[in-house]
Amino acid sequence: MDTHDIVLHIKNNDSPAVLASLIGVEGHSYRKAGAVMLFFEGGFMGSLSPGCLESDLQLRTAEIWASGQPEVVEYDMLSPDDFSWGEAVGCGGKIKVVLEPVKGELKCTLLTANERMAMGESLILLRKTTRLGGYSYSLESAAGSMNSVNNDSNAFCTLLLPKPRLVIFGGGHDAGPIAALATRVGYRIAIADWREGSLQNEFPGAERVICPPGEAAARLGISAGDFVLICSHQFQRDRHFLESVIPLNPQYIGIIGSSARINLLLEGLDAPSSLHAPVGIAIGGEGPEEIAVSIVAEMIQNRRAGSGKLPKGGDHFESSWYLSSSRAKQTNGSLQGFSEAHTGDFTRERRAQ
């Protein structure tokens, strides 16, 4: 679950909500430290385990909301005396979770984060313990260095990433399955076309721009973080749009079409390294849906490539940062006060590193 989805839910709903953040892991765990989920009336978003801990955490949320104070919960699956927790979480491990009521300063901070994420900014939500036993909250740009807080045993943070944007030039019928699948895997969608009728196709939640091809890139504010797909099937208009997009250096440019057509389309242009033409992973796809799978799979591959070796399926865990881990021994599912959670073995471990 993208952190952007959680922040958007908080923005659009006033009902009580509790944010759960995985802040410490020892041994094996289904999710890495930094993963978050949101509990609210009637359900939850995200996950911290394969489903075994969520029910226990949700039982605590009413009390957390009523008290207005965060709590730290630790689940110890390292002990061989409790096989049920260990089997449920994966391979057995110890995890520490902070439950925070989304109200007051935290909610205001997240609403501010939403405004900045809507502009494409990646952020770090930083918490520091206070003398009163709660947290102070601040936002920092994720482009900055985290070394300033890296040795602070009383702080942890959550990486807030905006959804990447897929800009589709050409709102024809083949664009629909691509937009639908890309939305499901975490992209925001923008559609540009010079034909008003083409944008009558169903593109739920998409940003829509009707203008000449040469103006579309500027109207949409295409930047280095965007993914761009050209699929209008009109040669001259594709060319005009491509000429305006290349200088903006988006992260990914894909073109639907045959190799022969693409060679003509690129004639006289310096093809950037971000260009994927013909677009899509070679899976032998046929029809709009299968072609959409090949294209979106290539976009995901491109999006993840910056993290190094690309894992497969279940080998991948959400990457994030936790600024201090703990070896403090606790009973399964026990609550800790903040001073206990962030001192003692916490500090000794960091000094030993």
Protein backbone atom coordinates (compact mmCIF):
# COMPACT_ATOMS: atom_id res chain seq x y z
CA MET A 1 0.00 0.00 0.00
CA ASP A 2 1.43 3.39 -1.02
CA THR A 3 1.81 5.94 1.77
CA HIS A 4 0.17 8.41 -0.61
CA ASP A 5 -3.06 6.36 -0.53
CA ILE A 6 -3.05 6.45 3.27
CA VAL A 7 -2.46 10.22 3.35
CA LEU A 8 -5.26 10.75 0.80
CA HIS A 9 -7.65 8.67 2.92
CA ILE A 10 -6.85 10.84 5.95
CA LYS A 11 -7.46 13.97 3.89
CA ASN A 12 -10.81 12.77 2.58
CA ASN A 13 -12.24 11.22 5.76
CA ASP A 14 -12.94 12.79 9.15
CA SER A 15 -13.70 9.55 10.98
CA PRO A 16 -11.36 8.32 13.76
CA ALA A 17 -8.18 6.73 12.43
CA VAL A 18 -5.04 5.23 13.94
CA LEU A 19 -1.73 5.02 12.10
CA ALA A 20 0.37 1.90 12.74
CA SER A 21 4.08 2.11 11.90
CA LEU A 22 6.54 -0.77 11.99
CA ILE A 23 9.53 0.85 13.67
CA GLY A 24 11.76 -2.09 14.61
CA VAL A 25 12.54 -5.56 13.29
CA GLU A 26 14.79 -8.26 14.66
CA GLY A 27 15.11 -11.48 12.69
CA HIS A 28 12.73 -12.22 9.85
CA SER A 29 9.57 -10.24 9.23
CA TYR A 30 6.95 -10.02 6.50
CA ARG A 31 7.56 -6.25 6.20
CA LYS A 32 10.60 -4.13 6.84
CA ALA A 33 10.81 -1.34 9.37
CA GLY A 34 9.14 1.73 7.94
CA ALA A 35 6.02 -0.02 6.65
CA VAL A 36 2.77 1.61 7.72
CA MET A 37 -0.94 0.87 7.74
CA LEU A 38 -4.04 2.80 8.72
CA PHE A 39 -6.94 1.60 10.87
CA PHE A 40 -10.26 3.40 10.59
CA GLU A 41 -13.93 2.75 11.26
CA GLY A 42 -14.94 -0.21 9.16
CA GLY A 43 -11.56 -1.33 7.90
CA PHE A 44 -7.90 -0.70 7.32
CA MET A 45 -5.39 0.10 4.57
CA GLY A 46 -1.99 -1.50 4.15
CA SER A 47 -0.44 -4.36 6.08
CA LEU A 48 2.35 -5.13 8.53
CA SER A 49 2.02 -8.93 8.43
CA PRO A 50 0.31 -11.60 6.32
CA GLY A 51 -2.81 -10.87 8.36
CA CYS A 52 -2.03 -12.33 11.76
CA LEU A 53 -1.26 -9.14 13.69
CA GLU A 54 -3.82 -6.80 12.17
CA SER A 55 -6.74 -8.09 14.23
CA ASP A 56 -4.79 -7.72 17.45
CA LEU A 57 -3.68 -4.22 16.53
CA GLN A 58 -7.20 -3.20 15.53
CA LEU A 59 -8.52 -4.23 18.94
CA ARG A 60 -6.24 -1.60 20.47
CA THR A 61 -7.26 1.27 18.23
CA ALA A 62 -10.41 2.37 20.11
CA GLU A 63 -8.43 2.85 23.30
CA ILE A 64 -5.63 4.64 21.44
CA TRP A 65 -8.11 7.04 19.85
CA ALA A 66 -9.91 7.67 23.13
CA SER A 67 -6.70 8.37 25.04
CA GLY A 68 -5.25 10.54 22.31
CA GLN A 69 -1.82 9.12 23.10
CA PRO A 70 0.39 6.85 20.98
CA GLU A 71 1.47 3.45 22.25
CA VAL A 72 4.29 1.07 21.36
CA VAL A 73 3.45 -2.62 20.93
CA GLU A 74 6.02 -5.38 20.54
CA TYR A 75 5.45 -8.89 19.21
CA ASP A 76 8.18 -11.39 20.00
CA MET A 77 8.14 -14.39 17.67
CA LEU A 78 11.73 -15.41 18.35
CA SER A 79 10.76 -17.58 21.30
CA PRO A 80 10.14 -21.26 20.42
CA ASP A 81 7.43 -21.27 23.10
CA ASP A 82 4.98 -19.46 20.83
CA PHE A 83 4.85 -21.12 17.44
CA SER A 84 1.56 -19.56 16.40
CA TRP A 85 2.96 -16.02 16.18
CA GLY A 86 6.17 -17.19 14.52
CA GLU A 87 4.42 -19.21 11.84
CA ALA A 88 1.93 -16.46 11.17
CA VAL A 89 4.47 -13.70 10.69
CA GLY A 90 6.70 -15.72 8.39
CA CYS A 91 9.93 -17.15 9.74
CA GLY A 92 9.79 -15.82 13.26
CA GLY A 93 11.13 -12.50 14.45
CA LYS A 94 10.57 -9.60 16.76
CA ILE A 95 8.76 -6.49 15.58
CA LYS A 96 7.85 -3.22 17.24
CA VAL A 97 4.84 -1.18 16.18
CA VAL A 98 3.81 2.36 17.09
CA LEU A 99 0.07 3.13 17.12
CA GLU A 100 -0.73 6.84 16.77
CA PRO A 101 -4.16 8.49 16.80
CA VAL A 102 -4.49 10.62 13.68
CA LYS A 103 -5.55 13.85 15.31
CA GLY A 104 -4.03 17.15 16.38
CA GLU A 105 -0.47 17.79 15.26
CA LEU A 106 -0.09 14.48 13.42
CA LYS A 107 -3.19 15.07 11.30
CA CYS A 108 -2.17 18.64 10.49
CA THR A 109 1.28 17.42 9.51
CA LEU A 110 -0.16 14.73 7.24
CA LEU A 111 -2.52 17.21 5.58
CA THR A 112 0.46 19.44 4.85
CA ALA A 113 2.30 16.40 3.51
CA ASN A 114 -0.61 15.69 1.17
CA GLU A 115 -0.36 19.16 -0.37
CA ARG A 116 3.37 18.74 -0.95
CA MET A 117 3.02 15.18 -2.28
CA ALA A 118 0.38 16.39 -4.73
CA MET A 119 3.15 18.54 -6.22
CA GLY A 120 5.34 15.46 -6.61
CA GLU A 121 7.54 16.00 -3.54
CA SER A 122 8.94 13.02 -1.62
CA LEU A 123 8.98 13.60 2.14
CA ILE A 124 10.20 12.20 5.43
CA LEU A 125 7.75 12.30 8.34
CA LEU A 126 9.99 12.56 11.39
CA ARG A 127 8.88 11.90 14.97
CA LYS A 128 10.85 12.75 18.07
CA THR A 129 9.85 11.88 21.61
CA THR A 130 8.91 14.75 23.90
CA ARG A 131 9.23 15.20 27.65
CA LEU A 132 5.48 14.69 27.96
CA GLY A 133 5.73 11.17 26.52
CA GLY A 134 4.36 11.87 23.06
CA TYR A 135 5.84 12.89 19.75
CA SER A 136 6.69 16.09 17.97
CA TYR A 137 6.27 15.94 14.20
CA SER A 138 8.12 17.52 11.31
CA LEU A 139 8.43 17.09 7.56
CA GLU A 140 11.71 17.04 5.69
CA SER A 141 12.46 16.67 2.03
CA ALA A 142 13.46 13.13 1.17
CA ALA A 143 16.08 14.62 -1.13
CA GLY A 144 18.02 15.77 1.91
CA SER A 145 20.42 13.85 4.13
CA MET A 146 19.20 11.80 7.05
CA ASN A 147 22.57 11.71 8.79
CA SER A 148 21.50 14.50 11.14
CA VAL A 149 18.97 12.21 12.82
CA ASN A 150 20.63 8.89 12.11
CA ASN A 151 22.12 8.64 15.58
CA ASP A 152 19.07 9.82 17.50
CA SER A 153 17.70 6.88 19.50
CA ASN A 154 14.52 8.81 20.29
CA ALA A 155 13.41 9.33 16.70
CA PHE A 156 11.98 7.37 13.83
CA CYS A 157 10.60 8.30 10.48
CA THR A 158 8.34 7.27 7.63
CA LEU A 159 9.10 7.82 3.97
CA LEU A 160 6.14 9.48 2.23
CA LEU A 161 6.33 8.96 -1.50
CA PRO A 162 3.91 10.59 -3.94
CA LYS A 163 2.40 8.32 -6.53
CA PRO A 164 4.34 8.52 -9.78
CA ARG A 165 2.40 10.03 -12.66
CA LEU A 166 1.76 8.34 -15.98
CA VAL A 167 1.06 10.82 -18.78
CA ILE A 168 -0.70 9.19 -21.72
CA PHE A 169 -0.76 11.06 -25.01
CA GLY A 170 -3.74 9.76 -26.97
CA GLY A 171 -6.99 8.75 -25.32
CA GLY A 172 -7.92 5.92 -27.67
CA HIS A 173 -9.41 2.58 -26.69
CA ASP A 174 -6.02 0.93 -26.13
CA ALA A 175 -5.19 3.59 -23.50
CA GLY A 176 -8.08 2.50 -21.25
CA PRO A 177 -6.63 -0.88 -20.10
CA ILE A 178 -3.21 0.72 -19.62
CA ALA A 179 -4.61 3.51 -17.45
CA ALA A 180 -6.75 1.08 -15.43
CA LEU A 181 -3.86 -1.29 -14.71
CA ALA A 182 -1.40 1.51 -13.98
CA THR A 183 -3.88 2.99 -11.50
CA ARG A 184 -4.16 -0.34 -9.69
CA VAL A 185 -0.38 -0.57 -9.21
CA GLY A 186 -0.01 2.95 -7.86
CA TYR A 187 0.21 5.50 -10.66
CA ARG A 188 -1.64 8.77 -11.04
CA ILE A 189 -2.98 9.18 -14.54
CA ALA A 190 -2.99 12.19 -16.86
CA ILE A 191 -4.46 12.00 -20.37
CA ALA A 192 -3.68 14.48 -23.14
CA ASP A 193 -5.37 14.61 -26.54
CA TRP A 194 -6.33 17.18 -29.15
CA ARG A 195 -9.66 15.40 -29.73
CA GLU A 196 -12.30 16.10 -27.12
CA GLY A 197 -14.21 12.97 -28.07
CA SER A 198 -11.25 10.72 -27.20
CA LEU A 199 -11.35 11.87 -23.59
CA GLN A 200 -14.93 10.74 -23.25
CA ASN A 201 -13.55 7.24 -22.69
CA GLU A 202 -13.51 6.14 -19.08
CA PHE A 203 -10.34 7.21 -17.27
CA PRO A 204 -11.34 7.28 -13.59
CA GLY A 205 -9.68 10.04 -11.61
CA ALA A 206 -7.44 11.06 -14.49
CA GLU A 207 -6.16 14.55 -15.09
CA ARG A 208 -7.37 15.53 -18.59
CA VAL A 209 -5.97 18.12 -20.99
CA ILE A 210 -7.36 18.93 -24.45
CA CYS A 211 -4.89 20.94 -26.49
CA PRO A 212 -2.57 20.79 -29.52
CA PRO A 213 0.19 18.16 -29.16
CA GLY A 214 2.97 20.73 -28.95
CA GLU A 215 1.34 22.39 -25.93
CA ALA A 216 0.44 19.26 -23.94
CA ALA A 217 3.79 18.81 -22.17
CA ALA A 218 3.77 22.37 -20.86
CA ARG A 219 0.08 22.24 -19.90
CA LEU A 220 0.71 19.09 -17.86
CA GLY A 221 3.97 20.32 -16.37
CA ILE A 222 5.83 17.14 -17.31
CA SER A 223 8.98 16.75 -15.21
CA ALA A 224 11.83 14.34 -14.55
CA GLY A 225 9.73 12.13 -12.28
CA ASP A 226 6.97 11.43 -14.80
CA PHE A 227 6.31 8.40 -16.96
CA VAL A 228 5.14 9.21 -20.48
CA LEU A 229 3.37 6.96 -22.97
CA ILE A 230 2.74 8.03 -26.57
CA CYS A 231 -0.13 6.18 -28.22
CA SER A 232 -2.24 8.53 -30.31
CA HIS A 233 -1.44 6.58 -33.52
CA GLN A 234 -1.29 9.88 -35.42
CA PHE A 235 2.24 10.18 -36.79
CA GLN A 236 2.66 13.96 -37.00
CA ARG A 237 0.95 14.61 -33.67
CA ASP A 238 3.01 11.92 -31.93
CA ARG A 239 6.12 13.56 -33.39
CA HIS A 240 5.15 17.06 -32.19
CA PHE A 241 4.43 15.76 -28.70
CA LEU A 242 7.67 13.75 -28.59
CA GLU A 243 9.72 16.77 -29.63
CA SER A 244 8.29 18.75 -26.73
CA VAL A 245 8.78 15.94 -24.20
CA ILE A 246 12.39 14.88 -24.85
CA PRO A 247 13.98 18.13 -23.51
CA LEU A 248 12.03 17.69 -20.25
CA ASN A 249 13.85 14.42 -19.55
CA PRO A 250 11.03 12.39 -17.93
CA GLN A 251 11.97 9.17 -16.19
CA TYR A 252 10.34 7.00 -18.84
CA ILE A 253 9.13 7.56 -22.40
CA GLY A 254 7.31 4.72 -24.11
CA ILE A 255 5.99 4.64 -27.67
CA ILE A 256 3.42 2.16 -28.96
CA GLY A 257 3.99 1.13 -32.55
CA SER A 258 6.08 -0.96 -34.91
CA SER A 259 9.85 -0.62 -35.13
CA ALA A 260 9.57 0.77 -38.65
CA ARG A 261 7.10 3.47 -37.59
CA ILE A 262 9.19 4.37 -34.55
CA ASN A 263 12.35 4.71 -36.65
CA LEU A 264 10.54 7.25 -38.80
CA LEU A 265 9.16 8.99 -35.72
CA LEU A 266 12.65 9.39 -34.25
CA GLU A 267 14.34 10.50 -37.46
CA GLY A 268 16.58 13.48 -36.73
CA LEU A 269 16.03 13.28 -32.96
CA ASP A 270 18.53 12.26 -30.29
CA ALA A 271 16.83 9.32 -28.58
CA PRO A 272 17.29 9.61 -24.79
CA SER A 273 18.22 6.63 -22.61
CA SER A 274 14.76 6.85 -21.05
CA LEU A 275 13.12 5.93 -24.36
CA HIS A 276 11.41 2.53 -24.62
CA ALA A 277 10.32 1.97 -28.20
CA PRO A 278 8.63 -0.24 -29.03
CA VAL A 279 7.27 -0.09 -25.52
CA GLY A 280 6.69 -3.05 -23.19
CA ILE A 281 8.35 -6.24 -22.01
CA ALA A 282 8.43 -8.98 -24.66
CA ILE A 283 5.78 -11.41 -23.39
CA GLY A 284 4.08 -12.03 -26.71
CA GLY A 285 1.01 -10.16 -25.57
CA GLU A 286 -2.02 -9.90 -27.82
CA GLY A 287 -4.98 -7.58 -27.43
CA PRO A 288 -5.25 -4.39 -25.35
CA GLU A 289 -5.26 -6.10 -21.93
CA GLU A 290 -2.16 -8.25 -22.49
CA ILE A 291 -0.32 -5.37 -24.13
CA ALA A 292 -1.21 -3.25 -21.10
CA VAL A 293 0.38 -5.89 -18.85
CA SER A 294 3.63 -5.79 -20.83
CA ILE A 295 3.76 -1.98 -20.75
CA VAL A 296 2.93 -1.56 -17.06
CA ALA A 297 5.37 -4.36 -16.16
CA GLU A 298 8.15 -2.46 -17.94
CA MET A 299 7.19 0.72 -16.11
CA ILE A 300 7.38 -1.09 -12.77
CA GLN A 301 10.76 -2.54 -13.72
CA ASN A 302 12.00 0.93 -14.58
CA ARG A 303 10.57 2.40 -11.39
CA ARG A 304 12.26 -0.18 -9.17
CA ALA A 305 15.57 -0.39 -11.01
CA GLY A 306 17.11 2.37 -8.93
CA SER A 307 16.98 0.17 -5.81
CA GLY A 308 19.65 -2.23 -7.18
CA LYS A 309 19.05 -5.90 -7.85
CA LEU A 310 15.44 -6.43 -8.73
CA PRO A 311 13.82 -9.10 -6.51
CA LYS A 312 11.03 -11.42 -7.53
CA GLY A 313 7.53 -11.48 -6.07
CA GLY A 314 7.56 -12.35 -2.39
CA ASP A 315 11.29 -11.64 -2.07
CA HIS A 316 10.49 -7.95 -2.19
CA PHE A 317 9.67 -6.03 0.97
CA GLU A 318 8.79 -2.37 1.16
CA SER A 319 11.90 -0.28 1.58
CA SER A 320 11.93 2.45 4.17
CA TRP A 321 14.08 3.79 6.96
CA TYR A 322 13.95 3.26 10.69
CA LEU A 323 16.42 5.29 12.64
CA SER A 324 16.95 3.00 15.61
CA SER A 325 16.17 -0.65 16.32
CA SER A 326 15.77 -2.46 19.62
CA ARG A 327 16.69 -5.72 21.28
CA ALA A 328 14.54 -5.06 24.35
CA LYS A 329 12.87 -8.32 25.47
CA GLN A 330 9.10 -8.01 25.84
CA THR A 331 6.12 -10.28 26.20
CA ASN A 332 4.19 -10.98 22.99
CA GLY A 333 1.96 -8.06 22.12
CA SER A 334 2.89 -6.06 25.22
CA LEU A 335 2.64 -2.31 25.48
CA GLN A 336 5.62 -0.12 26.23
CA GLY A 337 5.87 3.44 27.43
CA PHE A 338 7.87 5.79 25.23
CA SER A 339 10.76 6.20 27.64
CA GLU A 340 11.08 2.41 27.82
CA ALA A 341 10.77 1.98 24.09
CA HIS A 342 13.44 4.51 23.15
CA THR A 343 16.09 4.13 25.86
CA GLY A 344 17.93 1.34 27.64
CA ASP A 345 18.86 -1.47 25.24
CA PHE A 346 17.90 0.86 22.40
CA THR A 347 20.76 3.21 23.26
CA ARG A 348 23.24 0.47 24.17
CA GLU A 349 22.70 -1.21 20.83
CA ARG A 350 23.37 1.96 18.90
CA ARG A 351 26.56 2.67 20.84
CA ALA A 352 27.76 -0.82 19.99
CA GLN A 353 27.29 -0.27 16.24
